[in-house]
Amino acid sequence: MLATAANAAVACLPPAAAAAAWRPRRHVDNRLQQKYRSVESAAQAAARKAAAKAAQIAQQAQQAQPPAGAGEVQRWMDSAQRSAQRWWEGQPAYSVGVSNRQQAYSSGAPPSPSAFGWVPLALAASVAFILMFGRRIRLPWGGGRRGAGGRWVMDRSLGGKMIFIPDADPTPASAAAAKQPRPLWGDDAAGSGAAAAATAAADAGPWGAAPPAPAAVPAEPDWWQQAPRFLVYATAERKQELQRQARAVLRQLEDAKLLQGLDYPLSGLVSLRTLCQEAGGYQVKPRTESGRDAMLRAGVKAAISAGQEGLFSMLGGDHPAKFVCGLAHDLGVPDRRAVTIVHAEVASTCRSALIDAEAAYRSSNQSDILLALIRLAGALQTFPLPRGSAEAELVAAGIAKQTSVEFRKSIFFEFGAVSPDLAALAAELLGFNPDLVMPVLRQRQAAAAAQQQKV
């Protein structure tokens, strides 16, 4: 049994262990010495170590030697590093090479100043100079507008900021003139544009002549009634009740506009006009002047519509001019202000009618042209504009830019056939001079009448 177990243990051992003889643990050091024992002598080892040390010294010397031209840069960098370190540690910048402040002052020789001590002062001076004179300095490589042609305009999309719009590339003939910037408010009135307009006007004859200059408009037109007559008699109690009702109607109109955003209804304005008239010419006091003018403007629009359609019942049976004058008195609107509001609304209505007529003219719709001319005639017949008014000039300036001369001539002749008495006002609204085009209209109407008599 024992022999069998010994043979089995020997069979399980690795081949190297089986081949080597078993030795006690005390022989481990001897085995390591035999394995790692050096074969060189002491002289050879000393020579090898000396050669290795010499090679190491040569390599360090080669690495420490700077390239050509790098000595000054290295010294400057070392000096900057030392100055930054002293500044960070709170030491004075002028004690270069002295780490002890007391030793610097007791050595006898004054410490040498450092150039880096002026760096913060120079930076501060540079920033102050740029802030004070930066916008006035023109760099030689920077672009500027001083030598470019163009103009300054106000851009509403940028909150009213002034922007510079350069001109297009000028031709060689006008290159010298393009270098001069144009004024802020635009083009020259006496330049080539005015000359071209004068030439075109001369070629067009009476249809190209400029309208007359605005004349002195009287303070009160012919249709204005200075003081409405109040022939309604009422007792004192009745007048007080009517005045209270008039104030209540005024508050309803103002609250509906302010709280609900509704327009002033015509029924409310007619009720206010009736109550104030029956109360003996009572004047209400609106909250604001803008609200007062807005009420009168709504009444003027309703009066113009009633005059165009011939429905005076919309205004309580009053004529449009009488209704407007009475409403202005009831609201306490000054006469000049009321006349201005009426003329502005009439000009707006006439411009809208002319634009509708121009659209119908392009589509060759004769019925729509006649409807637009009837609206124009109704507005001018209800509240005729004075001769040479500023409102007529503004309407003519817009219509002349948006339409052609052929359209304006056609509309003028057709309007003269519909309402000959208002043809002069229509000529001003179309941008013509009535003194020049009215004779042409009369000759044409006379020729048409003679042609009809022959037939």
Protein backbone atom coordinates (compact mmCIF):
# COMPACT_ATOMS: atom_id res chain seq x y z
CA MET A 1 0.00 0.00 0.00
CA LEU A 2 2.69 2.50 0.92
CA ALA A 3 4.72 1.73 -2.16
CA THR A 4 1.66 2.25 -4.35
CA ALA A 5 0.93 5.69 -2.78
CA ALA A 6 4.56 6.82 -3.19
CA ASN A 7 4.55 5.85 -6.86
CA ALA A 8 1.27 7.79 -7.41
CA ALA A 9 2.68 10.94 -5.75
CA VAL A 10 5.81 10.77 -7.88
CA ALA A 11 3.67 10.41 -11.01
CA CYS A 12 1.69 13.62 -10.15
CA LEU A 13 4.78 15.82 -9.87
CA PRO A 14 5.76 18.13 -12.83
CA PRO A 15 8.60 16.87 -15.02
CA ALA A 16 11.01 19.65 -13.91
CA ALA A 17 10.39 18.93 -10.27
CA ALA A 18 10.72 15.24 -10.87
CA ALA A 19 14.00 15.69 -12.70
CA ALA A 20 15.52 17.98 -10.06
CA ALA A 21 16.63 16.46 -6.82
CA TRP A 22 14.85 17.48 -3.69
CA ARG A 23 16.79 19.92 -1.53
CA PRO A 24 15.99 21.65 1.71
CA ARG A 25 14.87 25.36 1.84
CA ARG A 26 18.28 26.50 3.06
CA HIS A 27 19.70 25.81 -0.40
CA VAL A 28 17.38 28.48 -2.10
CA ASP A 29 19.98 31.30 -1.76
CA ASN A 30 22.67 29.13 -3.27
CA ARG A 31 20.44 28.38 -6.24
CA LEU A 32 19.66 32.10 -6.85
CA GLN A 33 23.33 33.02 -6.66
CA GLN A 34 24.16 30.34 -9.19
CA LYS A 35 21.43 31.67 -11.55
CA TYR A 36 22.11 35.49 -11.37
CA ARG A 37 25.84 35.45 -10.76
CA SER A 38 27.69 38.01 -13.00
CA VAL A 39 30.46 36.72 -15.16
CA GLU A 40 32.24 40.14 -15.56
CA SER A 41 35.08 41.21 -13.38
CA ALA A 42 35.24 44.23 -11.09
CA ALA A 43 37.33 46.27 -13.57
CA GLN A 44 34.88 45.64 -16.37
CA ALA A 45 31.94 46.73 -14.20
CA ALA A 46 33.72 49.94 -13.22
CA ALA A 47 34.49 50.75 -16.86
CA ARG A 48 30.89 50.07 -17.88
CA LYS A 49 29.52 52.39 -15.17
CA ALA A 50 31.95 55.19 -16.11
CA ALA A 51 30.92 54.99 -19.78
CA ALA A 52 27.22 55.09 -18.89
CA LYS A 53 27.73 58.13 -16.64
CA ALA A 54 29.67 59.99 -19.37
CA ALA A 55 26.92 59.30 -21.92
CA GLN A 56 24.28 60.59 -19.47
CA ILE A 57 26.26 63.79 -18.86
CA ALA A 58 26.65 64.40 -22.61
CA GLN A 59 22.93 63.89 -23.20
CA GLN A 60 22.01 66.35 -20.42
CA ALA A 61 24.42 68.92 -21.78
CA GLN A 62 22.92 68.56 -25.25
CA GLN A 63 19.38 69.01 -23.92
CA ALA A 64 20.33 72.01 -21.78
CA GLN A 65 22.01 73.85 -24.70
CA PRO A 66 19.30 76.24 -26.23
CA PRO A 67 19.01 76.74 -29.99
CA ALA A 68 20.45 79.77 -31.73
CA GLY A 69 18.52 82.98 -30.87
CA ALA A 70 16.53 81.42 -28.03
CA GLY A 71 18.69 82.72 -25.18
CA GLU A 72 17.14 86.21 -25.13
CA VAL A 73 13.59 84.82 -25.36
CA GLN A 74 14.28 82.41 -22.52
CA ARG A 75 15.71 85.14 -20.32
CA TRP A 76 12.74 87.43 -21.08
CA MET A 77 10.30 84.65 -20.25
CA ASP A 78 12.12 83.87 -17.00
CA SER A 79 12.07 87.54 -16.06
CA ALA A 80 8.37 87.85 -16.84
CA GLN A 81 7.63 84.74 -14.83
CA ARG A 82 9.54 86.09 -11.83
CA SER A 83 7.79 89.47 -12.06
CA ALA A 84 4.37 87.84 -12.26
CA GLN A 85 5.21 85.64 -9.30
CA ARG A 86 6.36 88.63 -7.22
CA TRP A 87 3.22 90.58 -8.16
CA TRP A 88 1.05 87.63 -7.18
CA GLU A 89 2.89 87.27 -3.84
CA GLY A 90 2.56 91.02 -3.09
CA GLN A 91 6.23 91.98 -3.56
CA PRO A 92 7.17 95.28 -5.28
CA ALA A 93 7.75 95.06 -9.01
CA TYR A 94 10.93 97.14 -8.89
CA SER A 95 12.91 94.75 -6.63
CA VAL A 96 14.22 92.65 -9.47
CA GLY A 97 16.45 89.83 -8.25
CA VAL A 98 15.93 90.62 -4.56
CA SER A 99 13.54 88.40 -2.68
CA ASN A 100 13.90 90.22 0.65
CA ARG A 101 12.54 93.80 0.80
CA GLN A 102 14.68 94.77 3.83
CA GLN A 103 17.84 93.50 2.13
CA ALA A 104 16.95 95.55 -0.98
CA TYR A 105 16.79 98.82 0.96
CA SER A 106 19.82 98.12 3.19
CA SER A 107 22.19 97.07 0.45
CA GLY A 108 23.19 100.67 -0.36
CA ALA A 109 22.53 100.52 -4.12
CA PRO A 110 18.97 101.44 -5.20
CA PRO A 111 16.94 98.62 -6.69
CA SER A 112 16.67 98.63 -10.48
CA PRO A 113 13.18 99.46 -11.79
CA SER A 114 11.28 96.94 -13.88
CA ALA A 115 9.56 97.69 -17.19
CA PHE A 116 6.66 95.45 -16.24
CA GLY A 117 5.59 97.84 -13.50
CA TRP A 118 4.19 100.22 -16.17
CA VAL A 119 2.09 97.59 -17.91
CA PRO A 120 -1.12 98.12 -15.83
CA LEU A 121 -0.83 101.89 -16.21
CA ALA A 122 -0.35 101.59 -19.98
CA LEU A 123 -3.36 99.29 -20.31
CA ALA A 124 -5.57 101.65 -18.32
CA ALA A 125 -4.47 104.61 -20.44
CA SER A 126 -5.16 102.67 -23.65
CA VAL A 127 -8.68 101.75 -22.56
CA ALA A 128 -9.47 105.34 -21.58
CA PHE A 129 -8.14 106.65 -24.91
CA ILE A 130 -10.25 104.19 -26.90
CA LEU A 131 -13.40 105.06 -24.95
CA MET A 132 -12.90 108.80 -25.46
CA PHE A 133 -11.62 108.99 -29.04
CA GLY A 134 -12.43 105.57 -30.50
CA ARG A 135 -15.26 106.80 -32.76
CA ARG A 136 -13.18 109.60 -34.22
CA ILE A 137 -10.26 107.44 -35.27
CA ARG A 138 -10.26 106.19 -38.84
CA LEU A 139 -7.97 103.25 -39.34
CA PRO A 140 -6.23 103.07 -42.71
CA TRP A 141 -7.55 99.58 -43.32
CA GLY A 142 -11.07 100.26 -42.06
CA GLY A 143 -14.08 101.14 -44.20
CA GLY A 144 -15.85 104.46 -43.77
CA ARG A 145 -18.70 106.49 -45.21
CA ARG A 146 -16.92 109.81 -45.42
CA GLY A 147 -15.99 109.33 -49.04
CA ALA A 148 -19.06 107.37 -50.16
CA GLY A 149 -22.21 108.88 -51.67
CA GLY A 150 -25.54 108.19 -50.02
CA ARG A 151 -27.96 109.52 -47.50
CA TRP A 152 -29.04 109.01 -43.89
CA VAL A 153 -32.57 107.77 -43.29
CA MET A 154 -34.57 106.80 -40.23
CA ASP A 155 -35.48 103.11 -39.96
CA ARG A 156 -38.70 102.58 -38.02
CA SER A 157 -38.11 98.85 -37.76
CA LEU A 158 -34.99 99.60 -35.68
CA GLY A 159 -36.78 101.96 -33.33
CA GLY A 160 -36.00 105.16 -35.23
CA LYS A 161 -32.28 104.47 -35.61
CA MET A 162 -30.47 106.42 -38.32
CA ILE A 163 -28.91 104.19 -40.97
CA PHE A 164 -26.74 105.07 -43.99
CA ILE A 165 -27.91 103.96 -47.45
CA PRO A 166 -25.13 104.20 -50.03
CA ASP A 167 -25.84 105.11 -53.61
CA ALA A 168 -25.51 102.67 -56.46
CA ASP A 169 -22.23 102.42 -58.32
CA PRO A 170 -21.91 105.79 -60.07
CA THR A 171 -20.88 106.24 -63.64
CA PRO A 172 -17.49 107.85 -64.35
CA ALA A 173 -19.22 111.13 -65.29
CA SER A 174 -21.04 111.38 -61.97
CA ALA A 175 -18.36 109.81 -59.77
CA ALA A 176 -17.21 113.17 -58.42
CA ALA A 177 -20.76 114.25 -57.59
CA ALA A 178 -21.58 110.91 -55.97
CA LYS A 179 -18.82 111.34 -53.43
CA GLN A 180 -20.77 114.13 -51.78
CA PRO A 181 -23.47 112.72 -49.46
CA ARG A 182 -26.95 114.00 -50.05
CA PRO A 183 -28.85 115.86 -47.32
CA LEU A 184 -30.90 114.03 -44.74
CA TRP A 185 -34.32 114.86 -46.09
CA GLY A 186 -33.68 113.59 -49.53
CA ASP A 187 -33.52 114.68 -53.08
CA ASP A 188 -32.79 118.00 -54.66
CA ALA A 189 -35.91 119.74 -55.87
CA ALA A 190 -34.06 121.78 -58.48
CA GLY A 191 -32.04 118.93 -59.96
CA SER A 192 -32.52 116.71 -62.96
CA GLY A 193 -35.83 115.34 -61.62
CA ALA A 194 -37.45 118.77 -61.62
CA ALA A 195 -36.11 119.49 -65.10
CA ALA A 196 -37.50 116.19 -66.42
CA ALA A 197 -40.87 116.91 -64.81
CA ALA A 198 -40.97 120.36 -66.37
CA THR A 199 -40.16 118.90 -69.79
CA ALA A 200 -42.87 116.27 -69.46
CA ALA A 201 -45.38 118.91 -68.36
CA ALA A 202 -44.58 121.06 -71.38
CA ASP A 203 -45.05 118.09 -73.71
CA ALA A 204 -48.39 117.11 -72.12
CA GLY A 205 -49.95 120.55 -72.55
CA PRO A 206 -52.72 121.56 -70.11
CA TRP A 207 -52.92 118.02 -68.72
CA GLY A 208 -49.35 118.09 -67.49
CA ALA A 209 -49.46 121.52 -65.88
CA ALA A 210 -49.00 121.63 -62.14
CA PRO A 211 -52.08 122.40 -60.04
CA PRO A 212 -52.31 125.90 -58.58
CA ALA A 213 -50.65 126.66 -55.29
CA PRO A 214 -52.88 126.41 -52.22
CA ALA A 215 -54.70 129.67 -51.73
CA ALA A 216 -55.74 131.26 -48.49
CA VAL A 217 -58.65 129.13 -47.31
CA PRO A 218 -61.36 131.02 -45.44
CA ALA A 219 -61.86 130.10 -41.81
CA GLU A 220 -65.50 129.15 -42.40
CA PRO A 221 -66.79 127.62 -45.64
CA ASP A 222 -70.12 128.50 -47.22
CA TRP A 223 -71.94 125.49 -45.81
CA TRP A 224 -70.96 126.25 -42.22
CA GLN A 225 -73.68 127.57 -39.90
CA GLN A 226 -72.21 129.84 -37.28
CA ALA A 227 -74.90 129.50 -34.61
CA PRO A 228 -77.72 126.98 -34.96
CA ARG A 229 -81.13 128.41 -34.15
CA PHE A 230 -82.88 126.92 -31.15
CA LEU A 231 -86.61 127.57 -31.55
CA VAL A 232 -87.76 124.85 -29.15
CA TYR A 233 -89.37 126.17 -25.98
CA ALA A 234 -89.28 124.15 -22.76
CA THR A 235 -89.74 124.84 -19.09
CA ALA A 236 -86.84 124.88 -16.63
CA GLU A 237 -87.74 121.46 -15.22
CA ARG A 238 -88.03 120.04 -18.71
CA LYS A 239 -84.66 121.49 -19.69
CA GLN A 240 -82.99 120.00 -16.61
CA GLU A 241 -84.44 116.58 -17.42
CA LEU A 242 -83.29 116.84 -21.04
CA GLN A 243 -79.82 117.89 -19.95
CA ARG A 244 -79.60 114.93 -17.58
CA GLN A 245 -80.65 112.59 -20.39
CA ALA A 246 -78.08 114.16 -22.72
CA ARG A 247 -75.30 113.58 -20.17
CA ALA A 248 -76.47 109.98 -19.76
CA VAL A 249 -76.35 109.39 -23.53
CA LEU A 250 -72.84 110.86 -23.65
CA ARG A 251 -71.66 108.54 -20.89
CA GLN A 252 -73.16 105.54 -22.70
CA LEU A 253 -71.30 106.45 -25.89
CA GLU A 254 -68.01 106.89 -24.05
CA ASP A 255 -68.36 103.69 -22.01
CA ALA A 256 -69.24 101.64 -25.08
CA LYS A 257 -66.12 102.91 -26.84
CA LEU A 258 -63.80 102.62 -23.84
CA LEU A 259 -64.98 99.35 -22.28
CA GLN A 260 -66.29 97.39 -25.26
CA GLY A 261 -64.32 98.94 -28.12
CA LEU A 262 -67.47 99.71 -30.14
CA ASP A 263 -67.72 102.53 -32.64
CA TYR A 264 -69.95 105.45 -31.87
CA PRO A 265 -73.40 104.45 -33.23
CA LEU A 266 -75.30 106.93 -35.35
CA SER A 267 -78.44 106.43 -33.29
CA GLY A 268 -76.65 107.60 -30.14
CA LEU A 269 -75.27 110.69 -31.90
CA VAL A 270 -78.71 111.55 -33.28
CA SER A 271 -80.24 111.14 -29.79
CA LEU A 272 -77.56 113.38 -28.28
CA ARG A 273 -78.18 115.98 -30.98
CA THR A 274 -81.93 115.92 -30.42
CA LEU A 275 -81.71 116.18 -26.62
CA CYS A 276 -79.23 119.06 -26.73
CA GLN A 277 -81.39 120.94 -29.25
CA GLU A 278 -84.58 120.44 -27.24
CA ALA A 279 -82.75 121.55 -24.06
CA GLY A 280 -82.14 124.95 -25.64
CA GLY A 281 -78.67 124.46 -27.11
CA TYR A 282 -77.11 122.56 -24.22
CA GLN A 283 -73.42 121.60 -24.53
CA VAL A 284 -72.11 118.39 -23.02
CA LYS A 285 -68.54 117.95 -21.84
CA PRO A 286 -66.78 114.82 -23.08
CA ARG A 287 -63.98 113.35 -20.96
CA THR A 288 -61.18 113.90 -23.48
CA GLU A 289 -60.63 116.05 -26.55
CA SER A 290 -59.69 113.01 -28.62
CA GLY A 291 -62.99 111.36 -27.71
CA ARG A 292 -64.83 114.56 -28.58
CA ASP A 293 -63.16 114.75 -32.02
CA ALA A 294 -63.81 111.05 -32.61
CA MET A 295 -67.56 111.53 -32.00
CA LEU A 296 -67.69 114.43 -34.43
CA ARG A 297 -65.70 112.44 -36.99
CA ALA A 298 -68.20 109.58 -36.75
CA GLY A 299 -71.04 112.08 -37.26
CA VAL A 300 -69.30 113.57 -40.33
CA LYS A 301 -68.92 110.12 -41.90
CA ALA A 302 -72.60 109.43 -41.34
CA ALA A 303 -73.51 112.84 -42.80
CA ILE A 304 -71.42 112.19 -45.94
CA SER A 305 -73.08 108.79 -46.41
CA ALA A 306 -76.53 110.37 -45.96
CA GLY A 307 -75.67 113.07 -48.51
CA GLN A 308 -74.44 110.49 -51.05
CA GLU A 309 -77.57 108.38 -50.67
CA GLY A 310 -79.98 111.27 -50.15
CA LEU A 311 -81.38 109.79 -46.93
CA PHE A 312 -81.69 112.71 -44.53
CA SER A 313 -83.88 110.63 -42.27
CA MET A 314 -80.71 108.93 -41.03
CA LEU A 315 -79.78 112.24 -39.39
CA GLY A 316 -83.12 112.89 -37.72
CA GLY A 317 -84.45 114.80 -40.71
CA ASP A 318 -81.68 117.44 -40.70
CA HIS A 319 -79.51 118.41 -43.63
CA PRO A 320 -75.98 116.93 -43.35
CA ALA A 321 -74.39 120.35 -42.94
CA LYS A 322 -76.90 121.37 -40.28
CA PHE A 323 -76.44 118.10 -38.42
CA VAL A 324 -72.65 118.40 -38.39
CA CYS A 325 -72.69 122.05 -37.28
CA GLY A 326 -75.20 121.28 -34.51
CA LEU A 327 -73.26 118.23 -33.31
CA ALA A 328 -70.04 120.24 -33.21
CA HIS A 329 -71.80 122.86 -31.07
CA ASP A 330 -73.27 120.21 -28.76
CA LEU A 331 -69.86 118.59 -28.19
CA GLY A 332 -68.10 121.91 -27.72
CA VAL A 333 -65.76 121.52 -30.73
CA PRO A 334 -64.23 124.83 -31.91
CA ASP A 335 -65.32 125.99 -35.34
CA ARG A 336 -61.89 125.80 -36.97
CA ARG A 337 -61.30 122.34 -35.58
CA ALA A 338 -64.70 121.14 -36.80
CA VAL A 339 -64.06 122.50 -40.32
CA THR A 340 -60.68 120.75 -40.43
CA ILE A 341 -62.25 117.42 -39.43
CA VAL A 342 -64.95 117.77 -42.10
CA HIS A 343 -62.46 118.61 -44.85
CA ALA A 344 -60.23 115.68 -43.87
CA GLU A 345 -63.13 113.22 -44.02
CA VAL A 346 -64.29 114.58 -47.38
CA ALA A 347 -60.75 114.26 -48.80
CA SER A 348 -60.53 110.67 -47.53
CA THR A 349 -63.88 109.81 -49.14
CA CYS A 350 -62.85 111.39 -52.45
CA ARG A 351 -59.57 109.54 -52.50
CA SER A 352 -61.31 106.22 -51.83
CA ALA A 353 -63.79 106.90 -54.64
CA LEU A 354 -61.01 107.72 -57.10
CA ILE A 355 -59.10 104.56 -56.21
CA ASP A 356 -62.26 102.49 -56.77
CA ALA A 357 -62.75 104.23 -60.11
CA GLU A 358 -59.16 103.45 -61.11
CA ALA A 359 -59.67 99.76 -60.27
CA ALA A 360 -62.88 99.70 -62.32
CA TYR A 361 -61.10 101.50 -65.17
CA ARG A 362 -58.43 98.80 -65.32
CA SER A 363 -61.07 96.09 -65.45
CA SER A 364 -63.17 98.07 -68.00
CA ASN A 365 -66.20 98.04 -65.68
CA GLN A 366 -68.19 101.11 -66.66
CA SER A 367 -70.94 100.62 -64.09
CA ASP A 368 -68.47 100.61 -61.18
CA ILE A 369 -66.83 103.74 -62.59
CA LEU A 370 -70.18 105.54 -62.59
CA LEU A 371 -70.90 104.42 -59.01
CA ALA A 372 -67.52 105.72 -57.87
CA LEU A 373 -68.14 109.05 -59.61
CA ILE A 374 -71.58 109.34 -57.98
CA ARG A 375 -69.98 108.83 -54.57
CA LEU A 376 -67.39 111.48 -55.39
CA ALA A 377 -70.05 113.93 -56.55
CA GLY A 378 -72.20 113.27 -53.47
CA ALA A 379 -69.32 113.97 -51.08
CA LEU A 380 -68.31 117.18 -52.86
CA GLN A 381 -71.90 118.35 -53.14
CA THR A 382 -72.58 117.77 -49.44
CA PHE A 383 -69.38 119.40 -48.17
CA PRO A 384 -67.55 121.10 -51.08
CA LEU A 385 -63.87 121.69 -50.55
CA PRO A 386 -62.66 125.28 -50.93
CA ARG A 387 -60.63 126.22 -53.98
CA GLY A 388 -56.91 125.51 -53.50
CA SER A 389 -57.31 123.62 -50.23
CA ALA A 390 -54.42 121.62 -48.76
CA GLU A 391 -56.60 118.47 -48.59
CA ALA A 392 -57.25 118.58 -52.34
CA GLU A 393 -53.54 119.06 -53.03
CA LEU A 394 -52.61 116.03 -50.93
CA VAL A 395 -55.21 113.85 -52.66
CA ALA A 396 -53.96 115.01 -56.07
CA ALA A 397 -50.33 114.25 -55.17
CA GLY A 398 -51.21 110.66 -54.28
CA ILE A 399 -53.51 110.07 -57.25
CA ALA A 400 -51.01 111.52 -59.74
CA LYS A 401 -48.32 109.09 -58.55
CA GLN A 402 -50.54 106.02 -58.60
CA THR A 403 -52.50 106.53 -61.82
CA SER A 404 -51.81 107.49 -65.40
CA VAL A 405 -52.70 110.69 -67.25
CA GLU A 406 -55.09 108.80 -69.57
CA PHE A 407 -57.11 107.55 -66.61
CA ARG A 408 -57.32 110.98 -65.03
CA LYS A 409 -58.41 112.58 -68.30
CA SER A 410 -61.12 109.96 -68.80
CA ILE A 411 -62.39 110.35 -65.24
CA PHE A 412 -62.40 114.13 -65.53
CA PHE A 413 -64.49 114.10 -68.71
CA GLU A 414 -66.94 111.56 -67.29
CA PHE A 415 -67.26 113.50 -64.03
CA GLY A 416 -67.84 116.69 -66.01
CA ALA A 417 -70.73 114.94 -67.75
CA VAL A 418 -72.19 113.74 -64.41
CA SER A 419 -71.73 116.97 -62.39
CA PRO A 420 -70.48 119.98 -64.41
CA ASP A 421 -70.72 122.35 -61.45
CA LEU A 422 -68.16 120.34 -59.45
CA ALA A 423 -65.80 119.65 -62.36
CA ALA A 424 -63.33 122.29 -61.16
CA LEU A 425 -63.01 120.59 -57.76
CA ALA A 426 -62.62 117.23 -59.47
CA ALA A 427 -59.83 118.70 -61.61
CA GLU A 428 -57.93 119.73 -58.48
CA LEU A 429 -58.40 116.27 -56.94
CA LEU A 430 -57.04 114.69 -60.14
CA GLY A 431 -53.95 116.89 -60.18
CA PHE A 432 -55.00 119.23 -63.02
CA ASN A 433 -55.08 123.01 -63.17
CA PRO A 434 -58.77 124.00 -63.42
CA ASP A 435 -57.92 127.20 -65.27
CA LEU A 436 -56.38 125.15 -68.09
CA VAL A 437 -58.60 122.07 -68.31
CA MET A 438 -62.04 123.62 -67.77
CA PRO A 439 -62.00 125.35 -71.19
CA VAL A 440 -61.19 122.00 -72.80
CA LEU A 441 -64.15 120.44 -71.00
CA ARG A 442 -66.51 123.19 -72.13
CA GLN A 443 -65.37 122.88 -75.73
CA ARG A 444 -65.93 119.14 -75.62
CA GLN A 445 -69.39 119.52 -74.09
CA ALA A 446 -70.29 122.15 -76.69
CA ALA A 447 -69.15 119.87 -79.49
CA ALA A 448 -71.18 116.99 -78.03
CA ALA A 449 -74.30 119.22 -77.76
CA ALA A 450 -73.89 120.38 -81.37
CA GLN A 451 -73.53 116.77 -82.50
CA GLN A 452 -76.76 115.84 -80.74
CA GLN A 453 -78.65 118.74 -82.35
CA LYS A 454 -77.52 117.57 -85.78
CA VAL A 455 -78.82 114.10 -85.04
